[in-house]
């Protein structure tokens, strides 16, 4: 008899078609390239550490293969990971502005 956890967590690698994941990756990339980061850095007077952290975060998964290797079992998770990382980097005051402008509240 299978254990409950085995049934729910051992998904086959081809659980969804490949283009399903590609659309999530495209959304992830759009969340980065649709923002004028240099303008954002200047407008909100971010310090060097914040800028470095955001640039690192933006380059973390620069290819679909890297992104898919990390998120293929839970493709929705990229949004929350990025959301909370940006909140941690920007702080509550600037993050609310960022969220309202780029994540539509």
PDB file of N, CA and C in Angstrom:
ATOM      1  N   UNK A   1       0.845  -1.188   0.000  1.00  0.00           N
ATOM      2  CA  UNK A   1       0.000   0.000   0.000  1.00  0.00           C
ATOM      3  C   UNK A   1       0.886   1.245   0.000  1.00  0.00           C
ATOM      4  N   UNK A   2       0.558   2.208  -0.853  1.00  0.00           N
ATOM      5  CA  UNK A   2       1.371   3.428  -0.944  1.00  0.00           C
ATOM      6  C   UNK A   2       1.055   4.375   0.194  1.00  0.00           C
ATOM      7  N   UNK A   3       2.066   5.046   0.618  1.00  0.00           N
ATOM      8  CA  UNK A   3       1.858   6.072   1.632  1.00  0.00           C
ATOM      9  C   UNK A   3       1.209   7.283   0.975  1.00  0.00           C
ATOM     10  N   UNK A   4       0.482   8.048   1.731  1.00  0.00           N
ATOM     11  CA  UNK A   4      -0.225   9.240   1.248  1.00  0.00           C
ATOM     12  C   UNK A   4       0.724  10.218   0.553  1.00  0.00           C
ATOM     13  N   UNK A   5       1.867  10.494   1.173  1.00  0.00           N
ATOM     14  CA  UNK A   5       2.817  11.464   0.612  1.00  0.00           C
ATOM     15  C   UNK A   5       3.381  11.008  -0.727  1.00  0.00           C
ATOM     16  N   UNK A   6       3.632   9.727  -0.881  1.00  0.00           N
ATOM     17  CA  UNK A   6       4.173   9.231  -2.147  1.00  0.00           C
ATOM     18  C   UNK A   6       3.198   9.483  -3.290  1.00  0.00           C
ATOM     19  N   UNK A   7       1.935   9.296  -3.019  1.00  0.00           N
ATOM     20  CA  UNK A   7       0.935   9.475  -4.063  1.00  0.00           C
ATOM     21  C   UNK A   7       0.895  10.912  -4.560  1.00  0.00           C
ATOM     22  N   UNK A   8       1.003  11.867  -3.658  1.00  0.00           N
ATOM     23  CA  UNK A   8       0.843  13.261  -4.036  1.00  0.00           C
ATOM     24  C   UNK A   8       2.125  13.976  -4.458  1.00  0.00           C
ATOM     25  N   UNK A   9       3.273  13.479  -4.074  1.00  0.00           N
ATOM     26  CA  UNK A   9       4.492  14.248  -4.320  1.00  0.00           C
ATOM     27  C   UNK A   9       5.444  13.633  -5.336  1.00  0.00           C
ATOM     28  N   UNK A  10       5.224  12.420  -5.775  1.00  0.00           N
ATOM     29  CA  UNK A  10       6.118  11.833  -6.769  1.00  0.00           C
ATOM     30  C   UNK A  10       5.516  11.971  -8.164  1.00  0.00           C
ATOM     31  N   UNK A  11       5.496  13.199  -8.638  1.00  0.00           N
ATOM     32  CA  UNK A  11       4.943  13.450  -9.966  1.00  0.00           C
ATOM     33  C   UNK A  11       5.918  13.005 -11.037  1.00  0.00           C
ATOM     34  N   UNK A  12       5.426  12.468 -12.140  1.00  0.00           N
ATOM     35  CA  UNK A  12       6.325  12.166 -13.254  1.00  0.00           C
ATOM     36  C   UNK A  12       6.839  13.463 -13.876  1.00  0.00           C
ATOM     37  N   UNK A  13       7.996  13.410 -14.496  1.00  0.00           N
ATOM     38  CA  UNK A  13       8.573  14.623 -15.068  1.00  0.00           C
ATOM     39  C   UNK A  13       7.739  15.179 -16.207  1.00  0.00           C
ATOM     40  N   UNK A  14       6.967  14.342 -16.874  1.00  0.00           N
ATOM     41  CA  UNK A  14       6.140  14.832 -17.971  1.00  0.00           C
ATOM     42  C   UNK A  14       4.687  15.025 -17.533  1.00  0.00           C
ATOM     43  N   UNK A  15       4.500  15.423 -16.290  1.00  0.00           N
ATOM     44  CA  UNK A  15       3.159  15.612 -15.745  1.00  0.00           C
ATOM     45  C   UNK A  15       2.379  16.639 -16.562  1.00  0.00           C
ATOM     46  N   UNK A  16       3.037  17.710 -16.968  1.00  0.00           N
ATOM     47  CA  UNK A  16       2.454  18.719 -17.861  1.00  0.00           C
ATOM     48  C   UNK A  16       3.279  18.773 -19.131  1.00  0.00           C
ATOM     49  N   UNK A  17       2.688  19.204 -20.249  1.00  0.00           N
ATOM     50  CA  UNK A  17       3.489  19.361 -21.470  1.00  0.00           C
ATOM     51  C   UNK A  17       4.533  20.463 -21.300  1.00  0.00           C
ATOM     52  N   UNK A  18       5.615  20.396 -22.055  1.00  0.00           N
ATOM     53  CA  UNK A  18       6.737  21.334 -21.908  1.00  0.00           C
ATOM     54  C   UNK A  18       6.311  22.785 -22.131  1.00  0.00           C
ATOM     55  N   UNK A  19       5.398  23.034 -23.073  1.00  0.00           N
ATOM     56  CA  UNK A  19       5.008  24.426 -23.333  1.00  0.00           C
ATOM     57  C   UNK A  19       4.225  25.034 -22.164  1.00  0.00           C
ATOM     58  N   UNK A  20       3.670  24.186 -21.310  1.00  0.00           N
ATOM     59  CA  UNK A  20       3.011  24.679 -20.096  1.00  0.00           C
ATOM     60  C   UNK A  20       4.029  25.415 -19.228  1.00  0.00           C
ATOM     61  N   UNK A  21       5.185  24.828 -19.040  1.00  0.00           N
ATOM     62  CA  UNK A  21       6.237  25.447 -18.231  1.00  0.00           C
ATOM     63  C   UNK A  21       6.847  26.651 -18.935  1.00  0.00           C
ATOM     64  N   UNK A  22       6.959  26.570 -20.245  1.00  0.00           N
ATOM     65  CA  UNK A  22       7.531  27.684 -21.015  1.00  0.00           C
ATOM     66  C   UNK A  22       6.680  28.944 -20.833  1.00  0.00           C
ATOM     67  N   UNK A  23       5.375  28.817 -20.773  1.00  0.00           N
ATOM     68  CA  UNK A  23       4.516  29.989 -20.585  1.00  0.00           C
ATOM     69  C   UNK A  23       4.739  30.610 -19.203  1.00  0.00           C
ATOM     70  N   UNK A  24       4.964  29.787 -18.194  1.00  0.00           N
ATOM     71  CA  UNK A  24       5.287  30.314 -16.865  1.00  0.00           C
ATOM     72  C   UNK A  24       6.628  31.038 -16.887  1.00  0.00           C
ATOM     73  N   UNK A  25       7.609  30.455 -17.575  1.00  0.00           N
ATOM     74  CA  UNK A  25       8.915  31.104 -17.671  1.00  0.00           C
ATOM     75  C   UNK A  25       8.797  32.429 -18.410  1.00  0.00           C
ATOM     76  N   UNK A  26       7.980  32.471 -19.462  1.00  0.00           N
ATOM     77  CA  UNK A  26       7.777  33.721 -20.196  1.00  0.00           C
ATOM     78  C   UNK A  26       7.179  34.789 -19.282  1.00  0.00           C
ATOM     79  N   UNK A  27       6.235  34.412 -18.444  1.00  0.00           N
ATOM     80  CA  UNK A  27       5.667  35.359 -17.476  1.00  0.00           C
ATOM     81  C   UNK A  27       6.738  35.843 -16.513  1.00  0.00           C
ATOM     82  N   UNK A  28       7.581  34.931 -16.061  1.00  0.00           N
ATOM     83  CA  UNK A  28       8.675  35.282 -15.155  1.00  0.00           C
ATOM     84  C   UNK A  28       9.607  36.306 -15.810  1.00  0.00           C
ATOM     85  N   UNK A  29      10.004  36.037 -17.067  1.00  0.00           N
ATOM     86  CA  UNK A  29      10.909  36.961 -17.768  1.00  0.00           C
ATOM     87  C   UNK A  29      10.249  38.323 -18.010  1.00  0.00           C
ATOM     88  N   UNK A  30       8.952  38.321 -18.324  1.00  0.00           N
ATOM     89  CA  UNK A  30       8.242  39.589 -18.534  1.00  0.00           C
ATOM     90  C   UNK A  30       8.216  40.409 -17.249  1.00  0.00           C
ATOM     91  N   UNK A  31       8.138  39.748 -16.105  1.00  0.00           N
ATOM     92  CA  UNK A  31       8.124  40.476 -14.834  1.00  0.00           C
ATOM     93  C   UNK A  31       9.444  41.197 -14.587  1.00  0.00           C
ATOM     94  N   UNK A  32      10.481  40.790 -15.294  1.00  0.00           N
ATOM     95  CA  UNK A  32      11.795  41.424 -15.147  1.00  0.00           C
ATOM     96  C   UNK A  32      12.025  42.467 -16.233  1.00  0.00           C
ATOM     97  N   UNK A  33      11.763  42.104 -17.482  1.00  0.00           N
ATOM     98  CA  UNK A  33      12.129  43.004 -18.581  1.00  0.00           C
ATOM     99  C   UNK A  33      11.134  44.136 -18.799  1.00  0.00           C
ATOM    100  N   UNK A  34       9.942  44.065 -18.213  1.00  0.00           N
ATOM    101  CA  UNK A  34       8.964  45.136 -18.385  1.00  0.00           C
ATOM    102  C   UNK A  34       9.192  46.318 -17.450  1.00  0.00           C
ATOM    103  N   UNK A  35      10.250  46.269 -16.669  1.00  0.00           N
ATOM    104  CA  UNK A  35      10.530  47.333 -15.703  1.00  0.00           C
ATOM    105  C   UNK A  35      11.831  48.030 -16.086  1.00  0.00           C
ATOM    106  N   UNK A  36      11.805  49.355 -16.071  1.00  0.00           N
ATOM    107  CA  UNK A  36      13.019  50.140 -16.269  1.00  0.00           C
ATOM    108  C   UNK A  36      13.740  50.185 -14.917  1.00  0.00           C
ATOM    109  N   UNK A  37      14.626  49.231 -14.716  1.00  0.00           N
ATOM    110  CA  UNK A  37      15.257  49.090 -13.401  1.00  0.00           C
ATOM    111  C   UNK A  37      16.121  50.282 -13.030  1.00  0.00           C
ATOM    112  N   UNK A  38      16.879  50.815 -13.979  1.00  0.00           N
ATOM    113  CA  UNK A  38      17.727  51.967 -13.652  1.00  0.00           C
ATOM    114  C   UNK A  38      16.883  53.149 -13.204  1.00  0.00           C
ATOM    115  N   UNK A  39      15.786  53.386 -13.882  1.00  0.00           N
ATOM    116  CA  UNK A  39      14.871  54.461 -13.477  1.00  0.00           C
ATOM    117  C   UNK A  39      14.273  54.192 -12.106  1.00  0.00           C
ATOM    118  N   UNK A  40      13.928  52.943 -11.853  1.00  0.00           N
ATOM    119  CA  UNK A  40      13.367  52.565 -10.556  1.00  0.00           C
ATOM    120  C   UNK A  40      14.387  52.782  -9.440  1.00  0.00           C
ATOM    121  N   UNK A  41      15.648  52.383  -9.682  1.00  0.00           N
ATOM    122  CA  UNK A  41      16.702  52.553  -8.675  1.00  0.00           C
ATOM    123  C   UNK A  41      16.884  54.020  -8.311  1.00  0.00           C
ATOM    124  N   UNK A  42      16.925  54.872  -9.327  1.00  0.00           N
ATOM    125  CA  UNK A  42      17.135  56.303  -9.096  1.00  0.00           C
ATOM    126  C   UNK A  42      15.913  56.927  -8.424  1.00  0.00           C
ATOM    127  N   UNK A  43      14.739  56.620  -8.924  1.00  0.00           N
ATOM    128  CA  UNK A  43      13.505  57.216  -8.414  1.00  0.00           C
ATOM    129  C   UNK A  43      13.299  56.931  -6.931  1.00  0.00           C
ATOM    130  N   UNK A  44      13.658  55.734  -6.495  1.00  0.00           N
ATOM    131  CA  UNK A  44      13.421  55.357  -5.101  1.00  0.00           C
ATOM    132  C   UNK A  44      14.686  55.400  -4.247  1.00  0.00           C
ATOM    133  N   UNK A  45      15.758  55.937  -4.818  1.00  0.00           N
ATOM    134  CA  UNK A  45      17.021  56.155  -4.096  1.00  0.00           C
ATOM    135  C   UNK A  45      17.486  54.899  -3.351  1.00  0.00           C
ATOM    136  N   UNK A  46      17.560  53.803  -4.093  1.00  0.00           N
ATOM    137  CA  UNK A  46      17.999  52.555  -3.483  1.00  0.00           C
ATOM    138  C   UNK A  46      19.501  52.581  -3.239  1.00  0.00           C
ATOM    139  N   UNK A  47      19.920  51.921  -2.179  1.00  0.00           N
ATOM    140  CA  UNK A  47      21.356  51.878  -1.876  1.00  0.00           C
ATOM    141  C   UNK A  47      22.024  50.764  -2.684  1.00  0.00           C
ATOM    142  N   UNK A  48      23.346  50.719  -2.632  1.00  0.00           N
ATOM    143  CA  UNK A  48      24.121  49.770  -3.441  1.00  0.00           C
ATOM    144  C   UNK A  48      23.739  48.316  -3.143  1.00  0.00           C
ATOM    145  N   UNK A  49      23.527  47.978  -1.868  1.00  0.00           N
ATOM    146  CA  UNK A  49      23.151  46.614  -1.496  1.00  0.00           C
ATOM    147  C   UNK A  49      21.825  46.224  -2.140  1.00  0.00           C
ATOM    148  N   UNK A  50      20.832  47.124  -2.074  1.00  0.00           N
ATOM    149  CA  UNK A  50      19.519  46.832  -2.666  1.00  0.00           C
ATOM    150  C   UNK A  50      19.630  46.631  -4.175  1.00  0.00           C
ATOM    151  N   UNK A  51      20.383  47.491  -4.828  1.00  0.00           N
ATOM    152  CA  UNK A  51      20.564  47.375  -6.281  1.00  0.00           C
ATOM    153  C   UNK A  51      21.241  46.051  -6.627  1.00  0.00           C
ATOM    154  N   UNK A  52      22.308  45.723  -5.904  1.00  0.00           N
ATOM    155  CA  UNK A  52      23.014  44.456  -6.156  1.00  0.00           C
ATOM    156  C   UNK A  52      22.103  43.253  -5.951  1.00  0.00           C
ATOM    157  N   UNK A  53      21.289  43.291  -4.898  1.00  0.00           N
ATOM    158  CA  UNK A  53      20.384  42.178  -4.621  1.00  0.00           C
ATOM    159  C   UNK A  53      19.320  42.021  -5.712  1.00  0.00           C
ATOM    160  N   UNK A  54      18.780  43.132  -6.194  1.00  0.00           N
ATOM    161  CA  UNK A  54      17.774  43.071  -7.256  1.00  0.00           C
ATOM    162  C   UNK A  54      18.396  42.580  -8.556  1.00  0.00           C
ATOM    163  N   UNK A  55      19.591  43.051  -8.874  1.00  0.00           N
ATOM    164  CA  UNK A  55      20.264  42.584 -10.091  1.00  0.00           C
ATOM    165  C   UNK A  55      20.571  41.089  -9.996  1.00  0.00           C
ATOM    166  N   UNK A  56      20.983  40.644  -8.826  1.00  0.00           N
ATOM    167  CA  UNK A  56      21.230  39.214  -8.620  1.00  0.00           C
ATOM    168  C   UNK A  56      19.934  38.421  -8.803  1.00  0.00           C
ATOM    169  N   UNK A  57      18.867  38.912  -8.203  1.00  0.00           N
ATOM    170  CA  UNK A  57      17.564  38.245  -8.314  1.00  0.00           C
ATOM    171  C   UNK A  57      17.097  38.192  -9.770  1.00  0.00           C
ATOM    172  N   UNK A  58      17.301  39.278 -10.505  1.00  0.00           N
ATOM    173  CA  UNK A  58      16.885  39.317 -11.910  1.00  0.00           C
ATOM    174  C   UNK A  58      17.676  38.349 -12.783  1.00  0.00           C
ATOM    175  N   UNK A  59      18.900  38.053 -12.403  1.00  0.00           N
ATOM    176  CA  UNK A  59      19.750  37.165 -13.195  1.00  0.00           C
ATOM    177  C   UNK A  59      19.787  35.725 -12.679  1.00  0.00           C
ATOM    178  N   UNK A  60      19.027  35.449 -11.643  1.00  0.00           N
ATOM    179  CA  UNK A  60      19.073  34.148 -10.998  1.00  0.00           C
ATOM    180  C   UNK A  60      18.722  33.000 -11.941  1.00  0.00           C
ATOM    181  N   UNK A  61      17.695  33.177 -12.754  1.00  0.00           N
ATOM    182  CA  UNK A  61      17.275  32.142 -13.708  1.00  0.00           C
ATOM    183  C   UNK A  61      17.274  32.760 -15.098  1.00  0.00           C
ATOM    184  N   UNK A  62      18.453  32.889 -15.664  1.00  0.00           N
ATOM    185  CA  UNK A  62      18.578  33.587 -16.948  1.00  0.00           C
ATOM    186  C   UNK A  62      18.214  32.707 -18.141  1.00  0.00           C
ATOM    187  N   UNK A  63      18.026  31.415 -17.910  1.00  0.00           N
ATOM    188  CA  UNK A  63      17.625  30.527 -19.001  1.00  0.00           C
ATOM    189  C   UNK A  63      16.430  29.694 -18.555  1.00  0.00           C
ATOM    190  N   UNK A  64      15.687  29.212 -19.535  1.00  0.00           N
ATOM    191  CA  UNK A  64      14.542  28.352 -19.225  1.00  0.00           C
ATOM    192  C   UNK A  64      14.997  27.088 -18.512  1.00  0.00           C
ATOM    193  N   UNK A  65      16.125  26.530 -18.910  1.00  0.00           N
ATOM    194  CA  UNK A  65      16.610  25.295 -18.292  1.00  0.00           C
ATOM    195  C   UNK A  65      16.867  25.493 -16.790  1.00  0.00           C
ATOM    196  N   UNK A  66      17.486  26.606 -16.426  1.00  0.00           N
ATOM    197  CA  UNK A  66      17.759  26.882 -15.017  1.00  0.00           C
ATOM    198  C   UNK A  66      16.457  27.079 -14.238  1.00  0.00           C
ATOM    199  N   UNK A  67      15.547  27.843 -14.826  1.00  0.00           N
ATOM    200  CA  UNK A  67      14.259  28.088 -14.178  1.00  0.00           C
ATOM    201  C   UNK A  67      13.475  26.789 -14.035  1.00  0.00           C
ATOM    202  N   UNK A  68      13.410  26.014 -15.102  1.00  0.00           N
ATOM    203  CA  UNK A  68      12.642  24.774 -15.119  1.00  0.00           C
ATOM    204  C   UNK A  68      13.218  23.744 -14.141  1.00  0.00           C
ATOM    205  N   UNK A  69      14.525  23.726 -14.000  1.00  0.00           N
ATOM    206  CA  UNK A  69      15.160  22.808 -13.063  1.00  0.00           C
ATOM    207  C   UNK A  69      14.694  23.082 -11.631  1.00  0.00           C
ATOM    208  N   UNK A  70      14.442  24.343 -11.325  1.00  0.00           N
ATOM    209  CA  UNK A  70      14.041  24.716  -9.971  1.00  0.00           C
ATOM    210  C   UNK A  70      12.528  24.674  -9.759  1.00  0.00           C
ATOM    211  N   UNK A  71      11.757  25.117 -10.763  1.00  0.00           N
ATOM    212  CA  UNK A  71      10.312  25.305 -10.583  1.00  0.00           C
ATOM    213  C   UNK A  71       9.414  24.300 -11.302  1.00  0.00           C
ATOM    214  N   UNK A  72       9.954  23.282 -11.925  1.00  0.00           N
ATOM    215  CA  UNK A  72       9.103  22.414 -12.742  1.00  0.00           C
ATOM    216  C   UNK A  72       8.024  21.677 -11.954  1.00  0.00           C
ATOM    217  N   UNK A  73       8.257  21.428 -10.668  1.00  0.00           N
ATOM    218  CA  UNK A  73       7.244  20.715  -9.887  1.00  0.00           C
ATOM    219  C   UNK A  73       6.209  21.644  -9.267  1.00  0.00           C
ATOM    220  N   UNK A  74       6.473  22.935  -9.282  1.00  0.00           N
ATOM    221  CA  UNK A  74       5.513  23.908  -8.757  1.00  0.00           C
ATOM    222  C   UNK A  74       5.729  25.232  -9.490  1.00  0.00           C
ATOM    223  N   UNK A  75       5.287  25.327 -10.730  1.00  0.00           N
ATOM    224  CA  UNK A  75       5.589  26.518 -11.534  1.00  0.00           C
ATOM    225  C   UNK A  75       4.953  27.801 -11.008  1.00  0.00           C
ATOM    226  N   UNK A  76       3.911  27.716 -10.207  1.00  0.00           N
ATOM    227  CA  UNK A  76       3.306  28.922  -9.630  1.00  0.00           C
ATOM    228  C   UNK A  76       4.206  29.567  -8.581  1.00  0.00           C
ATOM    229  N   UNK A  77       5.122  28.805  -8.051  1.00  0.00           N
ATOM    230  CA  UNK A  77       5.920  29.290  -6.923  1.00  0.00           C
ATOM    231  C   UNK A  77       6.860  30.446  -7.272  1.00  0.00           C
ATOM    232  N   UNK A  78       7.266  30.583  -8.533  1.00  0.00           N
ATOM    233  CA  UNK A  78       8.201  31.647  -8.885  1.00  0.00           C
ATOM    234  C   UNK A  78       7.657  33.005  -8.483  1.00  0.00           C
ATOM    235  N   UNK A  79       6.357  33.197  -8.670  1.00  0.00           N
ATOM    236  CA  UNK A  79       5.751  34.502  -8.377  1.00  0.00           C
ATOM    237  C   UNK A  79       5.903  34.839  -6.899  1.00  0.00           C
ATOM    238  N   UNK A  80       5.598  33.891  -6.031  1.00  0.00           N
ATOM    239  CA  UNK A  80       5.676  34.142  -4.594  1.00  0.00           C
ATOM    240  C   UNK A  80       7.115  34.281  -4.125  1.00  0.00           C
ATOM    241  N   UNK A  81       8.004  33.483  -4.664  1.00  0.00           N
ATOM    242  CA  UNK A  81       9.422  33.609  -4.306  1.00  0.00           C
ATOM    243  C   UNK A  81       9.936  35.000  -4.649  1.00  0.00           C
ATOM    244  N   UNK A  82       9.609  35.449  -5.854  1.00  0.00           N
ATOM    245  CA  UNK A  82      10.070  36.771  -6.304  1.00  0.00           C
ATOM    246  C   UNK A  82       9.406  37.879  -5.493  1.00  0.00           C
ATOM    247  N   UNK A  83       8.136  37.749  -5.249  1.00  0.00           N
ATOM    248  CA  UNK A  83       7.359  38.713  -4.489  1.00  0.00           C
ATOM    249  C   UNK A  83       7.978  38.932  -3.105  1.00  0.00           C
ATOM    250  N   UNK A  84       8.246  37.843  -2.386  1.00  0.00           N
ATOM    251  CA  UNK A  84       8.793  37.956  -1.032  1.00  0.00           C
ATOM    252  C   UNK A  84      10.257  38.405  -1.033  1.00  0.00           C
ATOM    253  N   UNK A  85      11.010  38.021  -2.038  1.00  0.00           N
ATOM    254  CA  UNK A  85      12.399  38.490  -2.131  1.00  0.00           C
ATOM    255  C   UNK A  85      12.432  39.997  -2.355  1.00  0.00           C
ATOM    256  N   UNK A  86      11.568  40.491  -3.241  1.00  0.00           N
ATOM    257  CA  UNK A  86      11.527  41.939  -3.493  1.00  0.00           C
ATOM    258  C   UNK A  86      11.077  42.685  -2.243  1.00  0.00           C
ATOM    259  N   UNK A  87      10.136  42.136  -1.520  1.00  0.00           N
ATOM    260  CA  UNK A  87       9.672  42.771  -0.283  1.00  0.00           C
ATOM    261  C   UNK A  87      10.809  42.856   0.728  1.00  0.00           C
ATOM    262  N   UNK A  88      11.589  41.790   0.833  1.00  0.00           N
ATOM    263  CA  UNK A  88      12.723  41.768   1.767  1.00  0.00           C
ATOM    264  C   UNK A  88      13.786  42.779   1.360  1.00  0.00           C
ATOM    265  N   UNK A  89      14.055  42.900   0.070  1.00  0.00           N
ATOM    266  CA  UNK A  89      15.094  43.802  -0.418  1.00  0.00           C
ATOM    267  C   UNK A  89      14.673  45.267  -0.313  1.00  0.00           C
ATOM    268  N   UNK A  90      13.451  45.568  -0.718  1.00  0.00           N
ATOM    269  CA  UNK A  90      13.014  46.958  -0.804  1.00  0.00           C
ATOM    270  C   UNK A  90      12.547  47.545   0.521  1.00  0.00           C
ATOM    271  N   UNK A  91      12.088  46.714   1.414  1.00  0.00           N
ATOM    272  CA  UNK A  91      11.492  47.223   2.642  1.00  0.00           C
ATOM    273  C   UNK A  91      10.022  47.539   2.397  1.00  0.00           C
ATOM    274  N   UNK A  92       9.251  47.680   3.467  1.00  0.00           N
ATOM    275  CA  UNK A  92       7.797  47.797   3.310  1.00  0.00           C
ATOM    276  C   UNK A  92       7.334  49.045   2.560  1.00  0.00           C
ATOM    277  N   UNK A  93       7.969  50.184   2.776  1.00  0.00           N
ATOM    278  CA  UNK A  93       7.502  51.436   2.160  1.00  0.00           C
ATOM    279  C   UNK A  93       7.667  51.412   0.645  1.00  0.00           C
ATOM    280  N   UNK A  94       8.848  51.100   0.165  1.00  0.00           N
ATOM    281  CA  UNK A  94       9.103  51.081  -1.275  1.00  0.00           C
ATOM    282  C   UNK A  94       8.420  49.881  -1.925  1.00  0.00           C
ATOM    283  N   UNK A  95       8.320  48.776  -1.200  1.00  0.00           N
ATOM    284  CA  UNK A  95       7.695  47.595  -1.792  1.00  0.00           C
ATOM    285  C   UNK A  95       6.225  47.835  -2.111  1.00  0.00           C
ATOM    286  N   UNK A  96       5.509  48.562  -1.270  1.00  0.00           N
ATOM    287  CA  UNK A  96       4.095  48.861  -1.545  1.00  0.00           C
ATOM    288  C   UNK A  96       3.975  49.638  -2.856  1.00  0.00           C
ATOM    289  N   UNK A  97       4.865  50.584  -3.080  1.00  0.00           N
ATOM    290  CA  UNK A  97       4.868  51.349  -4.334  1.00  0.00           C
ATOM    291  C   UNK A  97       5.173  50.414  -5.501  1.00  0.00           C
ATOM    292  N   UNK A  98       6.193  49.584  -5.347  1.00  0.00           N
ATOM    293  CA  UNK A  98       6.560  48.621  -6.376  1.00  0.00           C
ATOM    294  C   UNK A  98       5.399  47.684  -6.702  1.00  0.00           C
ATOM    295  N   UNK A  99       4.779  47.157  -5.655  1.00  0.00           N
ATOM    296  CA  UNK A  99       3.663  46.225  -5.833  1.00  0.00           C
ATOM    297  C   UNK A  99       2.510  46.879  -6.568  1.00  0.00           C
ATOM    298  N   UNK A 100       2.172  48.088  -6.203  1.00  0.00           N
ATOM    299  CA  UNK A 100       1.046  48.778  -6.851  1.00  0.00           C
ATOM    300  C   UNK A 100       1.343  49.130  -8.297  1.00  0.00           C
ATOM    301  N   UNK A 101       2.588  49.464  -8.601  1.00  0.00           N
ATOM    302  CA  UNK A 101       2.942  49.845  -9.972  1.00  0.00           C
ATOM    303  C   UNK A 101       3.143  48.666 -10.909  1.00  0.00           C
ATOM    304  N   UNK A 102       3.742  47.571 -10.404  1.00  0.00           N
ATOM    305  CA  UNK A 102       4.157  46.486 -11.285  1.00  0.00           C
ATOM    306  C   UNK A 102       3.401  45.175 -11.079  1.00  0.00           C
ATOM    307  N   UNK A 103       2.817  44.984  -9.922  1.00  0.00           N
ATOM    308  CA  UNK A 103       2.057  43.762  -9.676  1.00  0.00           C
ATOM    309  C   UNK A 103       0.563  44.063  -9.556  1.00  0.00           C
ATOM    310  N   UNK A 104       0.190  45.275  -9.858  1.00  0.00           N
ATOM    311  CA  UNK A 104      -1.214  45.712  -9.855  1.00  0.00           C
ATOM    312  C   UNK A 104      -1.900  45.438  -8.520  1.00  0.00           C
ATOM    313  N   UNK A 105      -1.185  45.825  -7.444  1.00  0.00           N
ATOM    314  CA  UNK A 105      -1.736  45.684  -6.108  1.00  0.00           C
ATOM    315  C   UNK A 105      -1.761  44.266  -5.674  1.00  0.00           C
TER     316      UNK A 105
END
